[in-house]
Every structure is written in structure tokens, then in C-alpha cells.
Protein backbone atom coordinates (compact mmCIF):
# COMPACT_ATOMS: atom_id res chain seq x y z
CA UNK A 1 0.00 0.00 0.00
CA UNK A 2 2.96 2.31 -0.43
CA UNK A 3 3.40 3.24 3.21
CA UNK A 4 7.13 3.65 2.79
CA UNK A 5 7.04 7.45 3.00
CA UNK A 6 4.47 7.41 5.78
CA UNK A 7 6.55 7.01 8.98
CA UNK A 8 8.75 10.02 8.22
CA UNK A 9 5.74 12.26 7.71
CA UNK A 10 4.27 11.00 10.98
CA UNK A 11 7.57 11.65 12.76
CA UNK A 12 7.54 15.24 11.54
CA UNK A 13 3.99 15.61 12.82
CA UNK A 14 4.93 14.15 16.20
CA UNK A 15 8.02 16.33 16.39
CA UNK A 16 5.97 19.43 15.58
CA UNK A 17 3.43 18.36 18.21
CA UNK A 18 6.03 17.88 20.95
CA UNK A 19 7.64 21.23 20.15
CA UNK A 20 4.34 23.06 20.01
CA UNK A 21 2.78 21.48 23.08
CA UNK A 22 5.75 21.95 25.38
CA UNK A 23 6.11 25.48 24.07
CA UNK A 24 2.41 26.23 24.67
CA UNK A 25 2.83 25.22 28.32
CA UNK A 26 5.93 27.41 28.67
CA UNK A 27 4.01 30.24 27.02
CA UNK A 28 1.04 29.89 29.32
CA UNK A 29 3.24 30.36 32.36
CA UNK A 30 5.09 33.12 30.51
CA UNK A 31 1.73 34.83 30.03
CA UNK A 32 1.02 34.56 33.75
CA UNK A 33 4.50 35.84 34.62
CA UNK A 34 4.42 38.84 32.27
CA UNK A 35 0.69 39.37 33.01
CA UNK A 36 0.07 39.63 29.25
CA UNK A 37 -3.27 38.49 27.79
CA UNK A 38 -1.78 38.72 24.29
CA UNK A 39 0.70 36.01 25.22
CA UNK A 40 -2.12 34.03 26.83
CA UNK A 41 -4.07 34.11 23.59
CA UNK A 42 -1.00 33.10 21.63
CA UNK A 43 -0.50 30.24 24.09
CA UNK A 44 -4.07 29.19 23.35
CA UNK A 45 -3.36 29.46 19.62
CA UNK A 46 -0.29 27.24 19.95
CA UNK A 47 -2.12 24.81 22.21
CA UNK A 48 -4.93 24.57 19.65
CA UNK A 49 -2.38 23.89 16.94
CA UNK A 50 -0.63 21.20 18.93
CA UNK A 51 -3.99 19.54 19.60
CA UNK A 52 -4.72 19.75 15.87
CA UNK A 53 -1.36 18.09 15.25
CA UNK A 54 -2.08 15.31 17.70
CA UNK A 55 -5.56 14.70 16.28
CA UNK A 56 -4.11 14.77 12.76
CA UNK A 57 -1.57 12.16 13.81
CA UNK A 58 -4.20 9.76 15.18
CA UNK A 59 -6.73 10.45 12.43
CA UNK A 60 -3.98 9.87 9.88
CA UNK A 61 -3.07 6.55 11.50
CA UNK A 62 -6.74 5.54 11.62
CA UNK A 63 -7.74 6.65 8.15
CA UNK A 64 -5.15 4.36 6.59
CA UNK A 65 -6.87 1.33 8.10
CA UNK A 66 -8.82 -0.79 5.67
CA UNK A 67 -12.61 -0.84 5.71
CA UNK A 68 -14.07 -3.80 7.62
CA UNK A 69 -17.45 -5.36 8.43
CA UNK A 70 -18.15 -2.80 11.14
CA UNK A 71 -16.87 0.26 9.24
CA UNK A 72 -17.71 -0.54 5.64
CA UNK A 73 -16.65 2.92 4.48
CA UNK A 74 -13.34 2.72 6.29
CA UNK A 75 -12.10 5.15 8.95
CA UNK A 76 -11.75 8.40 7.04
CA UNK A 77 -14.48 10.23 8.95
CA UNK A 78 -12.55 9.97 12.20
CA UNK A 79 -10.50 12.94 11.02
CA UNK A 80 -13.72 14.99 10.99
CA UNK A 81 -14.49 14.03 14.58
CA UNK A 82 -11.04 15.25 15.59
CA UNK A 83 -11.58 18.52 13.70
CA UNK A 84 -14.84 19.03 15.60
CA UNK A 85 -13.18 18.36 18.96
CA UNK A 86 -10.35 20.71 18.17
CA UNK A 87 -12.79 23.39 17.06
CA UNK A 88 -14.83 23.09 20.23
CA UNK A 89 -11.74 23.40 22.47
CA UNK A 90 -10.51 26.48 20.59
CA UNK A 91 -13.92 28.19 20.67
CA UNK A 92 -14.19 27.76 24.45
CA UNK A 93 -10.60 28.95 24.96
CA UNK A 94 -10.95 31.98 22.68
CA UNK A 95 -14.19 33.11 24.31
CA UNK A 96 -12.48 32.86 27.72
CA UNK A 97 -9.46 34.91 26.56
CA UNK A 98 -11.64 37.56 24.88
CA UNK A 99 -13.69 37.92 28.07
CA UNK A 100 -10.50 38.48 30.10
CA UNK A 101 -9.12 40.98 27.56
CA UNK A 102 -12.38 42.97 27.33
CA UNK A 103 -12.48 43.30 31.13
CA UNK A 104 -8.94 44.70 30.98
CA UNK A 105 -9.84 47.31 28.37
CA UNK A 106 -11.58 49.20 31.17
CA UNK A 107 -8.66 49.05 33.56
CA UNK A 108 -5.46 48.05 31.74
CA UNK A 109 -3.04 46.10 33.93
CA UNK A 110 0.73 46.54 33.99
CA UNK A 111 2.57 43.96 31.91
CA UNK A 112 6.30 43.13 31.76
CA UNK A 113 7.48 44.06 28.26
CA UNK A 114 10.99 42.56 28.64
CA UNK A 115 9.56 39.11 29.34
CA UNK A 116 7.12 39.53 26.44
CA UNK A 117 10.00 40.40 24.13
CA UNK A 118 12.01 37.27 25.01
CA UNK A 119 8.95 35.03 24.72
CA UNK A 120 8.12 36.54 21.33
CA UNK A 121 11.62 35.83 20.06
CA UNK A 122 11.44 32.21 21.25
CA UNK A 123 7.97 31.93 19.72
CA UNK A 124 9.20 33.13 16.35
CA UNK A 125 12.15 30.70 16.48
CA UNK A 126 10.07 27.65 17.45
CA UNK A 127 7.36 28.27 14.86
CA UNK A 128 9.86 28.95 12.10
CA UNK A 129 11.61 25.68 12.86
CA UNK A 130 8.34 23.70 12.94
CA UNK A 131 7.20 25.32 9.68
CA UNK A 132 10.55 24.54 8.05
CA UNK A 133 10.33 20.88 9.07
CA UNK A 134 6.74 20.54 7.90
CA UNK A 135 7.35 22.29 4.57
CA UNK A 136 9.02 19.08 3.42
CA UNK A 137 5.71 17.17 3.57
CA UNK A 138 2.69 17.44 1.37
CA UNK A 139 -1.00 16.72 1.81
CA UNK A 140 -4.10 18.66 2.78
CA UNK A 141 -3.65 18.24 6.54
CA UNK A 142 -0.07 19.43 6.36
CA UNK A 143 -1.12 22.48 4.31
CA UNK A 144 -3.61 23.36 7.04
CA UNK A 145 -0.91 23.01 9.69
CA UNK A 146 1.51 25.20 7.72
CA UNK A 147 -1.21 27.80 7.59
CA UNK A 148 -1.59 27.57 11.38
CA UNK A 149 2.14 27.94 11.95
CA UNK A 150 2.33 30.99 9.69
CA UNK A 151 -0.57 32.53 11.60
CA UNK A 152 1.34 31.87 14.82
CA UNK A 153 4.40 33.58 13.35
CA UNK A 154 2.30 36.64 12.59
CA UNK A 155 0.88 36.56 16.11
CA UNK A 156 4.35 36.45 17.63
CA UNK A 157 5.59 39.22 15.36
CA UNK A 158 2.70 41.35 16.63
CA UNK A 159 3.60 40.52 20.26
CA UNK A 160 7.21 41.44 19.49
CA UNK A 161 6.18 44.85 18.09
CA UNK A 162 3.82 45.55 21.01
CA UNK A 163 6.47 44.58 23.56
CA UNK A 164 8.98 46.95 21.93
CA UNK A 165 6.44 49.80 22.07
CA UNK A 166 5.68 48.96 25.71
CA UNK A 167 9.38 49.19 26.61
CA UNK A 168 9.16 52.90 25.81
CA UNK A 169 5.51 53.82 26.45
CA UNK A 170 3.14 52.52 29.15
CA UNK A 171 0.25 51.91 26.68
CA UNK A 172 -0.79 48.66 28.36
CA UNK A 173 -4.16 48.71 26.60
CA UNK A 174 -2.30 47.59 23.44
CA UNK A 175 -1.82 44.19 25.06
CA UNK A 176 -5.58 43.66 25.44
CA UNK A 177 -6.34 44.94 21.94
CA UNK A 178 -3.76 42.58 20.43
CA UNK A 179 -5.16 39.70 22.46
CA UNK A 180 -8.69 40.32 21.16
CA UNK A 181 -7.40 40.50 17.57
CA UNK A 182 -5.51 37.21 17.87
CA UNK A 183 -8.54 35.50 19.43
CA UNK A 184 -10.82 36.76 16.66
CA UNK A 185 -8.43 35.39 14.03
CA UNK A 186 -8.45 32.02 15.83
CA UNK A 187 -12.26 32.04 15.96
CA UNK A 188 -12.59 32.95 12.29
CA UNK A 189 -10.39 30.01 11.29
CA UNK A 190 -12.24 27.63 13.59
CA UNK A 191 -15.67 28.66 12.32
CA UNK A 192 -14.63 28.28 8.68
CA UNK A 193 -13.41 24.77 9.47
CA UNK A 194 -16.50 23.85 11.47
CA UNK A 195 -18.76 24.93 8.59
CA UNK A 196 -16.75 22.71 6.23
CA UNK A 197 -16.94 19.74 8.60
CA UNK A 198 -20.62 20.37 9.33
CA UNK A 199 -21.48 20.30 5.62
CA UNK A 200 -19.76 16.92 5.27
CA UNK A 201 -21.62 15.53 8.31
CA UNK A 202 -25.04 16.56 6.96
CA UNK A 203 -24.22 14.92 3.59
CA UNK A 204 -23.98 18.20 1.67
CA UNK A 205 -23.32 17.56 -2.04
CA UNK A 206 -19.51 17.61 -2.44
CA UNK A 207 -18.07 21.08 -2.93
CA UNK A 208 -16.26 21.47 -6.22
CA UNK A 209 -18.24 18.71 -7.94
CA UNK A 210 -20.40 20.12 -10.76
CA UNK A 211 -23.66 18.20 -10.65
CA UNK A 212 -25.18 19.46 -13.90
CA UNK A 213 -21.98 18.86 -15.83
CA UNK A 214 -21.75 15.29 -14.53
CA UNK A 215 -25.34 14.61 -15.59
CA UNK A 216 -24.74 16.04 -19.06
CA UNK A 217 -21.49 14.14 -19.57
CA UNK A 218 -23.14 10.84 -18.66
CA UNK A 219 -26.22 11.56 -20.81
CA UNK A 220 -23.90 12.06 -23.79
CA UNK A 221 -22.68 8.45 -23.63
CA UNK A 222 -24.04 6.27 -26.45
CA UNK A 223 -27.04 4.24 -25.31
CA UNK A 224 -27.96 6.36 -22.28
CA UNK A 225 -31.61 7.38 -22.30
CA UNK A 226 -31.69 9.13 -18.95
CA UNK A 227 -29.81 9.63 -15.70
CA UNK A 228 -31.50 10.23 -12.37
CA UNK A 229 -31.16 9.78 -8.62
CA UNK A 230 -27.67 11.29 -8.80
CA UNK A 231 -26.65 11.62 -5.16
CA UNK A 232 -23.28 12.57 -3.78
CA UNK A 233 -21.63 12.97 -0.41
CA UNK A 234 -18.12 13.24 1.02
CA UNK A 235 -16.55 10.83 3.45
CA UNK A 236 -13.88 13.34 4.35
CA UNK A 237 -12.42 16.40 2.64
CA UNK A 238 -10.96 14.39 -0.23
CA UNK A 239 -13.10 11.27 -0.62
CA UNK A 240 -16.24 11.69 -2.74
CA UNK A 241 -19.00 9.13 -3.04
CA UNK A 242 -21.62 9.09 -5.84
CA UNK A 243 -24.66 6.91 -6.54
CA UNK A 244 -26.79 7.19 -9.67
CA UNK A 245 -29.28 5.37 -11.91
CA UNK A 246 -28.71 5.13 -15.66
CA UNK A 247 -31.63 4.24 -17.95
CA UNK A 248 -30.82 2.29 -21.14
CA UNK A 249 -32.73 0.52 -23.89
CA UNK A 250 -34.29 -2.67 -22.51
CA UNK A 251 -32.83 -4.70 -25.36
CA UNK A 252 -29.22 -3.72 -24.66
CA UNK A 253 -26.92 -6.71 -24.20
CA UNK A 254 -24.97 -7.26 -21.00
CA UNK A 255 -21.66 -6.82 -22.85
CA UNK A 256 -22.80 -3.39 -24.02
CA UNK A 257 -24.06 -2.53 -20.55
CA UNK A 258 -20.59 -3.32 -19.16
CA UNK A 259 -18.95 -1.11 -21.78
CA UNK A 260 -21.30 1.72 -20.90
CA UNK A 261 -20.64 1.33 -17.19
CA UNK A 262 -16.89 1.56 -17.87
CA UNK A 263 -17.50 4.84 -19.73
CA UNK A 264 -19.51 6.26 -16.83
CA UNK A 265 -16.78 5.17 -14.38
CA UNK A 266 -14.15 7.04 -16.40
CA UNK A 267 -16.29 10.21 -16.30
CA UNK A 268 -16.62 9.86 -12.51
CA UNK A 269 -12.90 9.21 -12.06
CA UNK A 270 -12.06 12.33 -14.06
CA UNK A 271 -14.31 14.32 -11.73
CA UNK A 272 -12.21 13.06 -8.75
CA UNK A 273 -14.95 10.78 -7.44
CA UNK A 274 -13.44 8.04 -5.26
CA UNK A 275 -16.34 5.60 -4.89
CA UNK A 276 -19.46 5.05 -6.94
CA UNK A 277 -22.54 2.86 -7.30
CA UNK A 278 -24.10 2.80 -10.75
CA UNK A 279 -27.49 1.17 -11.18
CA UNK A 280 -28.41 0.44 -14.77
CA UNK A 281 -32.13 0.11 -15.57
CA UNK A 282 -34.12 -0.75 -18.68
CA UNK A 283 -36.44 1.98 -19.95
CA UNK A 284 -39.21 -0.67 -20.01
CA UNK A 285 -38.83 -1.30 -16.28
CA UNK A 286 -39.44 2.39 -15.50
CA UNK A 287 -42.88 2.39 -17.08
CA UNK A 288 -44.12 -0.62 -15.17
CA UNK A 289 -46.40 -0.49 -12.14
CA UNK A 290 -43.36 -0.25 -9.88
CA UNK A 291 -43.08 3.51 -10.22
CA UNK A 292 -46.83 4.03 -10.72
CA UNK A 293 -46.48 5.80 -14.04
CA UNK A 294 -43.81 8.29 -13.00
CA UNK A 295 -41.71 8.88 -16.11
CA UNK A 296 -37.93 8.86 -15.74
CA UNK A 297 -36.43 12.28 -15.11
CA UNK A 298 -39.39 13.52 -13.08
CA UNK A 299 -37.88 12.65 -9.76
CA UNK A 300 -34.64 14.55 -10.00
CA UNK A 301 -34.48 15.89 -6.47
């Protein structure tokens, strides 16, 4: 199954997790020590990312398992469950940090800019290293993680700038403002992800799959009289599942039916569909009592 490249990728994920998680803990205490909510929210950001890394690691391990009698579609959806969990944790954390920061807007508290500066420098170094290591991998999950790490870098750069300003001016309110901004960025990312995952859970027709075009392409195949009941859903972000009924002339021979099904399969493969079920029906069958006179094509949902 070509797993040869897999362990290295997993090692990079685990390495990034260990770095990020231990750093998030250090940061959290750093936030307490410097009394900076901006650093607290960055700690939350990093903690969220390290959780995402850990979930990615386990989901990745799971999703490579073969389908079995209990999970006939395989284990790909477990990655969605981990995305939901991660989202929930980050939402709770962000709301908590925003609440703290908003309370401080009224009465800004003194923070220690020197400590903030050192933490920001370490933060930039750690995230750059993790991003550099991950940039060697490919895949959707890894792209998402890179995006997280770059966001973290921006967050730390902002903390660095604020801490430099605070060394010279006692504008402690900047700390709270920055914290709220970082938390809002986290929330925006989480919500976008949750919407994506939610759509997959409620069997939304796969994004990026053109339904009308699929129907037309299949109808163009020689011998196809009609196509209906085209239904599609996604198992995870990259695995698309399609079922459809194709109506053909009742006198068509099985050999020809097989040829036609091959053609339809090629169309589906070209549209990046991973799994399909094609039911081929005779036009005579449609007009029987089974469908009580409903002509094909009238029940396109």
C-alpha cells in the first residue's frame, strides 16, 4: 500500500506536536509571569495547533486502516471528529481569553514588556523551525498546519512589536487589543473549518463537484436514455462518493451494458470521485407499475 514514506511524515507531525505542546505550556506560564493576555491568547493558539497536530496524527493513523465489516466505508471520517473536537476546544478557549481581555480594556493592567519580548523571540524561532520541518511534507492536513504555523508567526511578530512599544511607552491597553485581535483570528479560522466539517456531516453535495456537468457528460454516452437519482456525499475532505441510476434501452446486451458502465466510471474518475454505485435500468422497467407511471427524469431531487 505504499506506506514507505508514511513514517517520516508522521515523525515530523509528532516532532511538531512535541515542540508546540511543550512550548504552549511554557508560554502559558510566561503569560502569567508577564501578566500579558496577548501572550495568553497566543498560548491558546499554539495549544490549539498542537492539539490539531495530535488529532491529525491519530486520524492519519486511523484513516489508513482498511474498511471492515463494522466500518464498511473505512475510517476516514474519524479525522472529521477530531476537527470538531479541536474546534470546540478552541472556541471555548478563545471566548475565555476575549472575556478576560475585554475586562482589561476598562482598567489596563501593567505587563512586563521585557519578558514579552524574550517570549516573542522564542515563539518566532520555534514556529519557524516547525514550519521549516513541515514544509518538506505534502497533503491537505499538512497544508492546514503550515497555515496555522504561519498565523502563529504573525501573532508572535505582533507581540514582538507591542512589547517593543511597551518598553518605551506605558500603553498597556495595546496588550488587550492585540489579544482580542488574535482571538478573533483564531475564531474565524475555527468557524470556517467547522462549517466545512458540518457540511460533510449533513451529507452536503460535495463542494467542487459540478452536478449538472456530470449529468450532461453521462447523458452524452451512447445508449444512455436518462440519468436520475444522482446523489453525492463526502466521506472526508478528499473522498467523494456518488450513486446514480442510468436508464438504457431494454434490449441492450450485458456486454454493451458493461462497456457503458466503464464509460460512466471514467467520467466519474475524471471528476475526482473516489467511490461510486451505478445502477443500470431498462427503460421498459421504468414504465411498469413499480413507479406508478412516474416517467424517468421527473424525480430529479
